[in-house]
N, C-alpha and C. Protein backbone atom coordinates (compact mmCIF):
# COMPACT_ATOMS: atom_id res chain seq x y z
N THR A 1 63.82 176.25 -14.72
CA THR A 1 64.79 176.93 -13.75
C THR A 1 63.61 177.36 -12.88
N ASN A 2 64.10 178.20 -11.56
CA ASN A 2 63.50 178.69 -10.63
C ASN A 2 63.84 179.71 -9.80
N GLY A 3 64.30 180.86 -10.18
CA GLY A 3 65.01 182.00 -9.55
C GLY A 3 66.38 181.15 -9.57
N ARG A 4 67.13 181.00 -8.21
CA ARG A 4 68.27 180.47 -8.17
C ARG A 4 68.39 178.97 -8.35
N TYR A 5 67.36 178.16 -8.41
CA TYR A 5 67.36 177.00 -8.34
C TYR A 5 67.14 175.95 -9.80
N ILE A 6 67.63 175.26 -10.00
CA ILE A 6 67.49 173.94 -11.30
C ILE A 6 66.99 172.92 -10.79
N ALA A 7 65.79 172.87 -11.62
CA ALA A 7 65.03 171.81 -11.14
C ALA A 7 65.32 170.12 -12.10
N SER A 8 65.12 169.33 -11.39
CA SER A 8 65.34 168.10 -12.82
C SER A 8 63.62 167.17 -12.73
N LEU A 9 64.28 166.33 -14.23
CA LEU A 9 62.82 165.28 -14.02
C LEU A 9 63.53 164.07 -14.31
N GLU A 10 63.82 162.93 -13.75
CA GLU A 10 64.12 161.72 -14.05
C GLU A 10 63.02 160.50 -14.30
N VAL A 11 62.55 160.27 -15.58
CA VAL A 11 61.58 159.32 -15.42
C VAL A 11 59.89 160.09 -14.98
N THR A 12 60.01 159.71 -13.78
CA THR A 12 58.72 160.02 -13.04
C THR A 12 59.16 161.13 -11.63
N THR A 13 60.18 161.13 -11.12
CA THR A 13 60.67 161.60 -10.29
C THR A 13 61.06 163.20 -10.52
N PHE A 14 60.37 164.13 -10.02
CA PHE A 14 60.74 165.67 -9.83
C PHE A 14 61.38 166.11 -8.72
N THR A 15 62.62 166.85 -8.83
CA THR A 15 63.14 167.31 -7.99
C THR A 15 63.43 168.45 -7.74
N ALA A 16 62.74 169.67 -6.90
CA ALA A 16 62.75 170.89 -7.19
C ALA A 16 63.95 171.84 -7.25
N GLN A 17 64.72 171.20 -6.48
CA GLN A 17 66.04 171.95 -5.80
C GLN A 17 67.43 171.09 -6.24
N THR A 18 67.58 170.63 -7.56
CA THR A 18 68.68 169.92 -7.89
C THR A 18 69.90 170.45 -7.58
N LEU A 19 69.99 171.62 -8.15
CA LEU A 19 70.99 172.78 -8.20
C LEU A 19 70.99 174.13 -7.43
N ASP A 20 71.43 174.60 -6.75
CA ASP A 20 71.30 175.83 -5.74
C ASP A 20 72.44 176.85 -6.63
N LEU A 21 71.93 177.93 -7.19
CA LEU A 21 72.98 178.81 -6.97
C LEU A 21 73.16 180.19 -6.17
N PRO A 22 74.18 180.73 -5.77
CA PRO A 22 74.28 181.55 -4.59
C PRO A 22 72.89 182.42 -4.52
N SER A 23 72.85 182.85 -3.35
CA SER A 23 71.81 183.95 -3.24
C SER A 23 71.65 185.14 -3.94
N GLY A 24 70.21 185.34 -4.57
CA GLY A 24 70.19 186.72 -5.13
C GLY A 24 70.45 186.75 -6.62
N GLU A 25 70.72 185.35 -7.10
CA GLU A 25 70.76 184.98 -8.45
C GLU A 25 69.48 184.74 -9.10
N VAL A 26 69.09 185.10 -10.22
CA VAL A 26 67.94 184.96 -11.01
C VAL A 26 68.26 184.09 -12.38
N SER A 27 67.81 182.97 -12.75
CA SER A 27 67.98 182.51 -14.14
C SER A 27 67.25 183.08 -15.31
N SER A 28 68.33 183.65 -16.28
CA SER A 28 67.72 184.23 -17.52
C SER A 28 67.49 182.85 -18.62
N SER A 29 68.75 182.22 -18.53
CA SER A 29 68.42 181.27 -19.80
C SER A 29 69.06 179.95 -19.54
N ILE A 30 68.87 178.87 -19.98
CA ILE A 30 70.02 177.55 -20.14
C ILE A 30 70.08 177.18 -21.28
N VAL A 31 71.03 176.48 -21.73
CA VAL A 31 71.49 175.61 -22.75
C VAL A 31 72.22 174.74 -22.54
N TRP A 32 72.06 173.30 -22.98
CA TRP A 32 73.10 172.16 -22.98
C TRP A 32 73.50 172.14 -24.03
N ASP A 33 75.09 171.80 -23.83
CA ASP A 33 76.16 171.54 -24.97
C ASP A 33 77.28 171.04 -24.35
N ASN A 34 78.18 170.55 -24.83
CA ASN A 34 79.32 170.04 -24.40
C ASN A 34 79.09 169.07 -23.43
N ASN A 35 78.34 168.65 -23.04
CA ASN A 35 78.01 167.59 -21.83
C ASN A 35 78.00 168.50 -20.71
N ARG A 36 77.52 169.57 -20.71
CA ARG A 36 77.16 170.57 -19.42
C ARG A 36 75.83 171.31 -19.80
N LEU A 37 75.63 171.95 -18.66
CA LEU A 37 74.42 172.60 -18.48
C LEU A 37 75.16 174.04 -18.45
N TYR A 38 74.66 175.23 -19.34
CA TYR A 38 75.49 176.16 -19.30
C TYR A 38 73.99 177.21 -18.78
N ILE A 39 74.23 177.81 -17.27
CA ILE A 39 72.92 178.39 -17.03
C ILE A 39 73.30 180.04 -16.60
N PHE A 40 72.58 180.90 -17.32
CA PHE A 40 72.86 182.49 -17.16
C PHE A 40 71.85 182.95 -16.14
N THR A 41 72.13 184.07 -15.31
CA THR A 41 71.87 184.35 -14.38
C THR A 41 71.95 185.78 -14.30
N ASN A 42 71.28 186.14 -13.64
CA ASN A 42 71.42 187.84 -13.48
C ASN A 42 71.49 188.05 -11.63
N ARG A 43 72.11 188.97 -11.33
CA ARG A 43 72.12 189.56 -9.94
C ARG A 43 71.28 190.99 -9.87
N PRO A 44 70.61 191.25 -9.54
CA PRO A 44 69.97 192.33 -9.50
C PRO A 44 70.48 193.26 -8.28
N ASN A 45 70.89 194.61 -8.66
CA ASN A 45 71.50 195.59 -7.99
C ASN A 45 70.06 196.17 -7.29
N LEU A 46 69.72 196.35 -6.11
CA LEU A 46 68.30 196.46 -5.43
C LEU A 46 68.49 198.40 -5.55
N SER A 47 69.48 199.24 -5.67
CA SER A 47 69.57 200.54 -5.53
C SER A 47 69.57 201.17 -6.70
N THR A 48 69.55 200.40 -8.13
CA THR A 48 68.96 200.79 -9.21
C THR A 48 68.42 199.54 -9.94
N SER A 49 67.44 199.57 -10.54
CA SER A 49 67.05 198.87 -11.65
C SER A 49 67.58 198.51 -12.77
N THR A 50 68.70 199.24 -13.25
CA THR A 50 69.28 199.38 -14.36
C THR A 50 70.43 198.66 -14.54
N TYR A 51 71.28 198.86 -13.12
CA TYR A 51 72.48 197.79 -12.91
C TYR A 51 72.27 196.54 -12.62
N MET A 52 72.50 195.71 -13.40
CA MET A 52 72.86 194.22 -13.03
C MET A 52 74.26 193.64 -13.52
N THR A 53 74.29 192.62 -12.83
CA THR A 53 75.86 192.02 -13.37
C THR A 53 75.12 190.24 -13.28
N GLY A 54 75.79 189.81 -14.26
CA GLY A 54 75.46 188.44 -14.46
C GLY A 54 76.43 187.33 -14.39
N SER A 55 76.23 185.95 -14.67
CA SER A 55 77.22 185.01 -14.44
C SER A 55 76.43 183.63 -15.65
N VAL A 56 77.60 182.92 -15.65
CA VAL A 56 77.60 181.71 -16.45
C VAL A 56 77.52 180.90 -15.62
N TYR A 57 76.89 179.70 -15.08
CA TYR A 57 77.50 178.76 -14.06
C TYR A 57 77.72 177.51 -15.35
N MET A 58 78.35 176.80 -14.90
CA MET A 58 78.21 175.10 -15.97
C MET A 58 78.35 174.36 -14.97
N TRP A 59 77.67 173.16 -15.48
CA TRP A 59 77.35 171.91 -14.69
C TRP A 59 77.20 171.12 -15.32
N ASP A 60 77.86 169.72 -14.89
CA ASP A 60 77.81 168.77 -15.32
C ASP A 60 76.59 167.93 -15.18
N THR A 61 75.74 168.49 -14.29
CA THR A 61 74.46 167.91 -13.91
C THR A 61 74.65 166.82 -13.45
N ASN A 62 75.89 166.01 -12.71
CA ASN A 62 76.06 164.82 -12.28
C ASN A 62 76.73 165.31 -10.89
N SER A 63 77.50 166.51 -10.62
CA SER A 63 77.76 167.02 -9.45
C SER A 63 76.49 167.52 -8.55
N THR A 64 77.19 167.56 -7.27
CA THR A 64 76.41 168.06 -6.12
C THR A 64 76.15 169.97 -6.68
N SER A 65 77.33 170.27 -7.07
CA SER A 65 77.44 172.10 -7.17
C SER A 65 77.71 172.03 -8.55
N TRP A 66 77.58 173.31 -9.22
CA TRP A 66 77.99 173.67 -10.60
C TRP A 66 79.81 173.76 -10.33
N GLU A 67 80.54 173.66 -11.43
CA GLU A 67 81.79 173.47 -11.84
C GLU A 67 82.67 175.02 -11.63
N TYR A 68 81.81 175.85 -12.43
CA TYR A 68 82.59 176.70 -13.03
C TYR A 68 81.80 178.14 -13.38
N GLU A 69 81.92 179.27 -12.87
CA GLU A 69 81.40 180.56 -12.85
C GLU A 69 82.48 181.49 -13.71
N ILE A 70 81.54 182.21 -15.01
CA ILE A 70 82.17 183.20 -15.45
C ILE A 70 81.04 184.25 -15.50
N THR A 71 81.81 185.52 -14.70
CA THR A 71 81.00 187.08 -14.73
C THR A 71 81.00 187.68 -15.69
N VAL A 72 79.80 187.88 -16.09
CA VAL A 72 79.42 189.19 -17.13
C VAL A 72 79.19 190.46 -16.81
N PRO A 73 80.06 191.04 -17.42
CA PRO A 73 79.57 192.46 -17.10
C PRO A 73 78.52 193.56 -17.48
N GLY A 74 77.30 192.89 -17.09
CA GLY A 74 75.86 192.95 -17.03
C GLY A 74 75.04 192.29 -17.01
N LYS A 75 73.64 192.89 -17.55
CA LYS A 75 72.90 191.84 -17.60
C LYS A 75 72.49 190.52 -18.79
N THR A 76 72.48 189.47 -18.28
CA THR A 76 72.24 188.62 -19.35
C THR A 76 70.57 188.29 -19.95
N GLY A 77 70.68 187.79 -21.34
CA GLY A 77 69.13 187.49 -21.97
C GLY A 77 69.68 185.87 -22.16
N GLY A 78 68.85 186.02 -23.46
CA GLY A 78 68.76 184.58 -23.95
C GLY A 78 70.36 183.96 -24.48
N ALA A 79 70.05 182.75 -24.52
CA ALA A 79 71.50 181.87 -25.27
C ALA A 79 71.01 181.02 -25.83
N PHE A 80 72.03 180.64 -26.86
CA PHE A 80 71.37 179.84 -27.66
C PHE A 80 72.74 178.94 -28.01
N SER A 81 73.07 177.60 -28.56
CA SER A 81 74.14 176.57 -29.06
C SER A 81 73.78 176.33 -30.43
N ARG A 82 74.87 176.35 -30.72
CA ARG A 82 74.70 176.30 -32.51
C ARG A 82 76.23 175.59 -32.74
N ASN A 83 76.42 174.44 -33.39
CA ASN A 83 77.60 173.47 -33.62
C ASN A 83 78.64 173.52 -32.50
N GLY A 84 78.28 173.39 -31.67
CA GLY A 84 79.11 173.01 -30.48
C GLY A 84 79.49 174.57 -29.89
N VAL A 85 79.15 175.48 -29.96
CA VAL A 85 79.05 176.95 -29.27
C VAL A 85 78.29 177.16 -28.52
N VAL A 86 78.19 178.05 -27.22
CA VAL A 86 77.11 178.39 -26.54
C VAL A 86 77.31 180.24 -26.90
N TYR A 87 76.38 180.66 -27.49
CA TYR A 87 76.07 181.75 -27.81
C TYR A 87 74.84 182.63 -26.72
N PHE A 88 75.30 183.71 -26.34
CA PHE A 88 74.12 184.31 -25.46
C PHE A 88 74.67 185.89 -25.63
N PHE A 89 73.33 186.47 -25.17
CA PHE A 89 72.96 188.00 -25.40
C PHE A 89 73.33 188.88 -23.99
N TYR A 90 73.91 189.87 -24.00
CA TYR A 90 73.79 190.93 -22.64
C TYR A 90 73.93 192.09 -22.82
N GLN A 91 73.32 192.97 -21.78
CA GLN A 91 73.61 194.17 -21.72
C GLN A 91 74.92 194.72 -21.04
N ASP A 92 75.42 195.16 -21.57
CA ASP A 92 76.99 195.74 -21.14
C ASP A 92 76.69 196.84 -20.13
N ILE A 93 77.04 196.82 -19.28
CA ILE A 93 77.26 198.21 -18.50
C ILE A 93 78.41 199.07 -18.52
N THR A 94 79.39 198.58 -19.04
CA THR A 94 80.62 199.30 -19.27
C THR A 94 80.95 199.78 -20.53
N SER A 95 79.95 199.86 -21.27
CA SER A 95 79.86 200.59 -22.85
C SER A 95 78.83 201.16 -23.27
N SER A 96 78.34 201.89 -22.19
CA SER A 96 77.05 202.82 -22.82
C SER A 96 75.98 202.23 -22.60
N ALA A 97 75.64 200.68 -21.95
CA ALA A 97 74.93 199.74 -22.20
C ALA A 97 74.31 199.28 -23.42
N GLN A 98 75.43 199.06 -24.17
CA GLN A 98 75.27 198.43 -25.68
C GLN A 98 75.08 197.10 -24.96
N PHE A 99 73.92 196.72 -26.54
CA PHE A 99 73.75 195.02 -26.35
C PHE A 99 74.49 194.20 -26.94
N LYS A 100 74.85 193.22 -26.63
CA LYS A 100 75.76 192.33 -27.39
C LYS A 100 75.60 190.81 -27.61
N LEU A 101 76.38 190.14 -28.64
CA LEU A 101 76.01 188.71 -28.77
C LEU A 101 77.55 188.68 -28.14
N ALA A 102 77.69 187.63 -27.51
CA ALA A 102 78.72 186.86 -27.04
C ALA A 102 78.85 185.17 -27.03
N TYR A 103 80.05 184.90 -27.00
CA TYR A 103 80.08 183.31 -26.90
C TYR A 103 81.14 182.96 -25.46
N VAL A 104 80.62 181.65 -24.89
CA VAL A 104 81.39 181.00 -23.98
C VAL A 104 82.52 180.30 -24.78
N ASP A 105 84.12 181.04 -24.53
CA ASP A 105 84.89 180.45 -25.01
C ASP A 105 85.79 179.56 -23.75
N GLY A 106 85.50 178.26 -23.29
CA GLY A 106 86.55 178.09 -22.15
C GLY A 106 86.04 178.58 -20.72
N ASN A 107 86.79 179.21 -20.00
CA ASN A 107 86.53 180.46 -18.65
C ASN A 107 86.42 181.53 -18.84
N GLN A 108 86.07 181.89 -20.23
CA GLN A 108 85.87 183.43 -20.46
C GLN A 108 84.69 183.52 -21.33
N ILE A 109 84.55 184.76 -21.70
CA ILE A 109 83.58 185.12 -22.35
C ILE A 109 84.39 186.00 -23.80
N LYS A 110 83.38 185.36 -24.86
CA LYS A 110 84.08 186.70 -25.85
C LYS A 110 83.05 187.39 -26.61
N ASP A 111 83.20 188.64 -26.67
CA ASP A 111 82.29 189.28 -27.42
C ASP A 111 82.18 189.16 -28.98
N ILE A 112 81.30 189.27 -29.79
CA ILE A 112 81.25 189.06 -31.34
C ILE A 112 81.02 190.29 -32.02
N ILE A 113 79.59 191.08 -31.56
CA ILE A 113 78.97 191.94 -31.83
C ILE A 113 78.34 193.06 -31.08
N SER A 114 78.24 194.12 -31.58
CA SER A 114 77.13 195.05 -30.41
C SER A 114 76.11 195.45 -31.71
N PHE A 115 74.88 196.00 -30.85
CA PHE A 115 73.83 196.11 -31.55
C PHE A 115 73.20 197.39 -30.64
N THR A 116 71.78 197.61 -31.19
CA THR A 116 71.00 198.60 -30.79
C THR A 116 69.66 198.32 -30.46
N GLY A 117 68.70 198.39 -29.37
CA GLY A 117 67.61 198.01 -29.50
C GLY A 117 67.10 197.58 -27.91
N SER A 118 67.05 196.12 -27.97
CA SER A 118 66.84 195.27 -26.66
C SER A 118 67.29 194.36 -26.16
N LEU A 119 67.72 193.83 -25.15
CA LEU A 119 67.93 192.41 -24.78
C LEU A 119 67.15 191.30 -25.15
N PRO A 120 67.41 190.63 -25.95
CA PRO A 120 66.28 189.41 -26.39
C PRO A 120 66.53 188.21 -25.15
N GLY A 121 65.40 187.31 -25.12
CA GLY A 121 65.30 186.56 -24.38
C GLY A 121 65.51 185.38 -25.07
N TYR A 122 65.20 183.95 -24.29
CA TYR A 122 65.47 182.79 -24.95
C TYR A 122 64.46 182.26 -25.89
N HIS A 123 63.41 183.03 -26.08
CA HIS A 123 62.10 182.88 -26.86
C HIS A 123 62.40 183.70 -28.08
N GLN A 124 63.18 184.48 -28.18
CA GLN A 124 63.54 185.14 -29.09
C GLN A 124 64.90 185.30 -30.07
N ILE A 125 65.28 183.87 -29.95
CA ILE A 125 66.31 183.46 -30.82
C ILE A 125 66.21 182.67 -31.73
N ILE A 126 66.40 182.14 -32.87
CA ILE A 126 66.82 180.87 -33.67
C ILE A 126 67.88 180.85 -34.66
N ASN A 127 67.53 179.59 -35.10
CA ASN A 127 68.89 179.25 -36.13
C ASN A 127 68.19 179.12 -37.15
N SER A 128 68.64 179.79 -38.45
CA SER A 128 67.75 180.10 -39.78
C SER A 128 69.10 180.25 -40.68
N ASP A 129 69.15 178.92 -41.54
CA ASP A 129 69.98 178.85 -42.60
C ASP A 129 71.01 179.61 -42.27
N ASN A 130 72.11 178.69 -41.48
CA ASN A 130 73.64 178.98 -40.57
C ASN A 130 73.54 180.62 -40.10
N HIS A 131 72.28 180.97 -39.92
CA HIS A 131 72.71 182.37 -39.27
C HIS A 131 71.88 181.97 -37.72
N ILE A 132 71.99 183.08 -36.81
CA ILE A 132 71.63 183.45 -35.26
C ILE A 132 70.60 184.47 -35.80
N MET A 133 69.53 184.31 -35.83
CA MET A 133 68.43 185.31 -35.95
C MET A 133 67.79 185.63 -34.58
N TRP A 134 67.43 187.11 -34.25
CA TRP A 134 66.58 187.42 -32.96
C TRP A 134 66.18 188.58 -33.06
N LEU A 135 65.12 188.63 -32.31
CA LEU A 135 64.47 189.90 -31.97
C LEU A 135 64.97 190.94 -31.15
N SER A 136 64.99 192.19 -31.39
CA SER A 136 65.39 193.35 -30.66
C SER A 136 64.73 194.74 -30.90
N ASP A 137 63.47 194.83 -29.73
CA ASP A 137 62.93 196.12 -29.88
C ASP A 137 62.11 196.33 -31.21
N GLY A 138 61.50 194.84 -31.49
CA GLY A 138 60.67 194.80 -32.84
C GLY A 138 61.45 194.73 -34.06
N GLU A 139 62.85 194.67 -34.49
CA GLU A 139 63.36 194.48 -35.47
C GLU A 139 63.98 192.83 -35.10
N VAL A 140 64.20 192.57 -36.33
CA VAL A 140 64.70 191.20 -36.23
C VAL A 140 66.20 191.28 -36.96
N TRP A 141 67.08 190.98 -36.46
CA TRP A 141 68.52 190.92 -36.42
C TRP A 141 69.28 189.24 -37.06
N VAL A 142 70.14 189.68 -37.58
CA VAL A 142 70.63 188.42 -38.24
C VAL A 142 72.48 188.35 -38.24
N TRP A 143 73.14 187.58 -37.75
CA TRP A 143 74.03 187.31 -37.64
C TRP A 143 74.72 186.18 -38.43
N GLY A 144 75.76 186.07 -39.56
CA GLY A 144 76.22 184.89 -39.62
C GLY A 144 76.41 185.10 -41.00
N ALA A 145 76.75 183.79 -41.83
CA ALA A 145 77.40 184.04 -43.36
C ALA A 145 76.53 182.95 -44.11
N SER A 146 76.14 183.13 -45.09
CA SER A 146 75.37 182.45 -45.90
C SER A 146 76.22 180.94 -46.59
N ALA A 147 77.51 181.19 -46.42
CA ALA A 147 78.15 180.10 -46.63
C ALA A 147 79.59 180.20 -46.01
N ASN A 148 80.11 179.01 -45.72
CA ASN A 148 81.58 179.01 -45.06
C ASN A 148 82.49 180.17 -45.39
N ASP A 149 82.51 180.00 -47.12
CA ASP A 149 83.77 181.46 -47.51
C ASP A 149 83.12 182.72 -48.02
N LEU A 150 82.06 182.56 -47.25
CA LEU A 150 81.55 184.40 -47.43
C LEU A 150 81.76 185.09 -45.83
N PRO A 151 81.53 186.47 -46.19
CA PRO A 151 82.09 186.73 -44.51
C PRO A 151 80.70 187.17 -43.80
N VAL A 152 80.99 187.16 -42.64
CA VAL A 152 80.26 186.75 -41.75
C VAL A 152 79.42 188.58 -41.13
N LYS A 153 78.42 188.73 -41.31
CA LYS A 153 77.91 189.91 -41.21
C LYS A 153 76.79 190.28 -40.25
N LEU A 154 76.54 191.12 -39.76
CA LEU A 154 75.18 191.64 -38.78
C LEU A 154 74.25 192.53 -39.72
N PHE A 155 73.08 192.42 -39.80
CA PHE A 155 72.04 192.98 -40.46
C PHE A 155 71.13 193.25 -39.96
N GLN A 156 70.06 193.94 -40.23
CA GLN A 156 68.57 194.27 -39.46
C GLN A 156 67.57 193.48 -40.91
N TYR A 157 67.16 192.20 -40.70
CA TYR A 157 66.58 191.66 -41.81
C TYR A 157 64.89 192.07 -41.68
N ALA A 158 64.05 192.40 -40.56
CA ALA A 158 63.06 192.68 -41.16
C ALA A 158 62.41 193.83 -39.73
N ASP A 159 61.60 194.37 -39.97
CA ASP A 159 60.92 195.27 -38.70
C ASP A 159 59.34 194.69 -38.55
N ALA A 160 59.25 194.09 -37.06
CA ALA A 160 58.04 193.23 -36.88
C ALA A 160 56.93 194.37 -36.78
N GLY A 161 57.21 195.62 -36.63
CA GLY A 161 55.94 196.63 -36.86
C GLY A 161 55.59 197.10 -35.11
N TYR A 162 56.24 196.46 -34.24
CA TYR A 162 55.92 196.58 -32.96
C TYR A 162 56.88 196.57 -32.07
N SER A 163 57.17 197.33 -31.35
CA SER A 163 58.55 197.23 -30.23
C SER A 163 58.27 195.79 -29.17
N ASN A 164 56.91 195.49 -29.16
CA ASN A 164 56.70 194.66 -28.25
C ASN A 164 56.57 193.06 -28.49
N SER A 165 57.09 193.01 -29.78
CA SER A 165 56.87 191.89 -30.53
C SER A 165 57.13 190.63 -29.48
N GLY A 166 56.63 189.62 -29.47
CA GLY A 166 56.58 188.47 -28.51
C GLY A 166 57.63 187.69 -29.08
N GLY A 167 57.54 186.27 -29.33
CA GLY A 167 58.98 185.51 -30.01
C GLY A 167 59.14 185.28 -31.42
N ILE A 168 59.67 184.58 -31.51
CA ILE A 168 60.15 184.12 -32.96
C ILE A 168 60.75 182.69 -32.86
N THR A 169 60.11 182.00 -34.13
CA THR A 169 60.26 180.64 -34.23
C THR A 169 60.40 180.33 -35.78
N ASN A 170 61.18 179.42 -36.25
CA ASN A 170 61.03 178.82 -37.48
C ASN A 170 60.74 177.01 -37.60
N ALA A 171 59.55 176.69 -36.63
CA ALA A 171 59.21 175.46 -36.56
C ALA A 171 58.98 174.90 -38.15
N PHE A 172 58.19 175.93 -38.81
CA PHE A 172 57.54 175.18 -40.12
C PHE A 172 58.95 175.69 -41.20
N GLY A 173 60.05 175.78 -41.14
CA GLY A 173 61.41 176.20 -41.94
C GLY A 173 61.51 177.34 -42.25
N THR A 174 60.10 178.27 -41.78
CA THR A 174 59.91 179.88 -42.53
C THR A 174 60.12 180.75 -40.90
N PRO A 175 60.97 181.66 -40.63
CA PRO A 175 61.16 182.61 -39.50
C PRO A 175 59.82 183.18 -39.68
N MET A 176 59.18 183.00 -38.17
CA MET A 176 57.93 183.76 -37.99
C MET A 176 57.84 184.08 -36.62
N MET A 177 57.33 185.31 -36.33
CA MET A 177 56.86 185.99 -35.39
C MET A 177 55.54 186.05 -34.68
């Protein structure tokens, strides 16, 4: 991603502007799922830095333009795909600037839960033992269920000790910050 442009690399051919999004868009995250590229963007309002609206663009990567846009009532953050579902985080400007985990359902978004802290970026989200785990203002939050017959829960898993914690990974099977 590069601002409002999506680049492509096919074998040895790099194209810097394979897809262009509307003027003023800035991409925050991308996810490949369901044979589509889901592109999460923000449109800053220059009158105030805290008011942003976002969009989710869906593109089949073959067409010359994106196929569909879903508007988001706030600033988008990181996105994540799990079991054919595209999840993402956003800061809701309609409800006291709460942070939310939502998912894309066809041509709409569905909110799952609200939480406090900060908006996680794409590098602050992992899948760990059937849970979505993310960093928010130095805290590690978890949403999911340990088994299919158990209830889904949201809980704070750990405290990183610093509000400016960088990223999270489970590359070696254990969550690490």
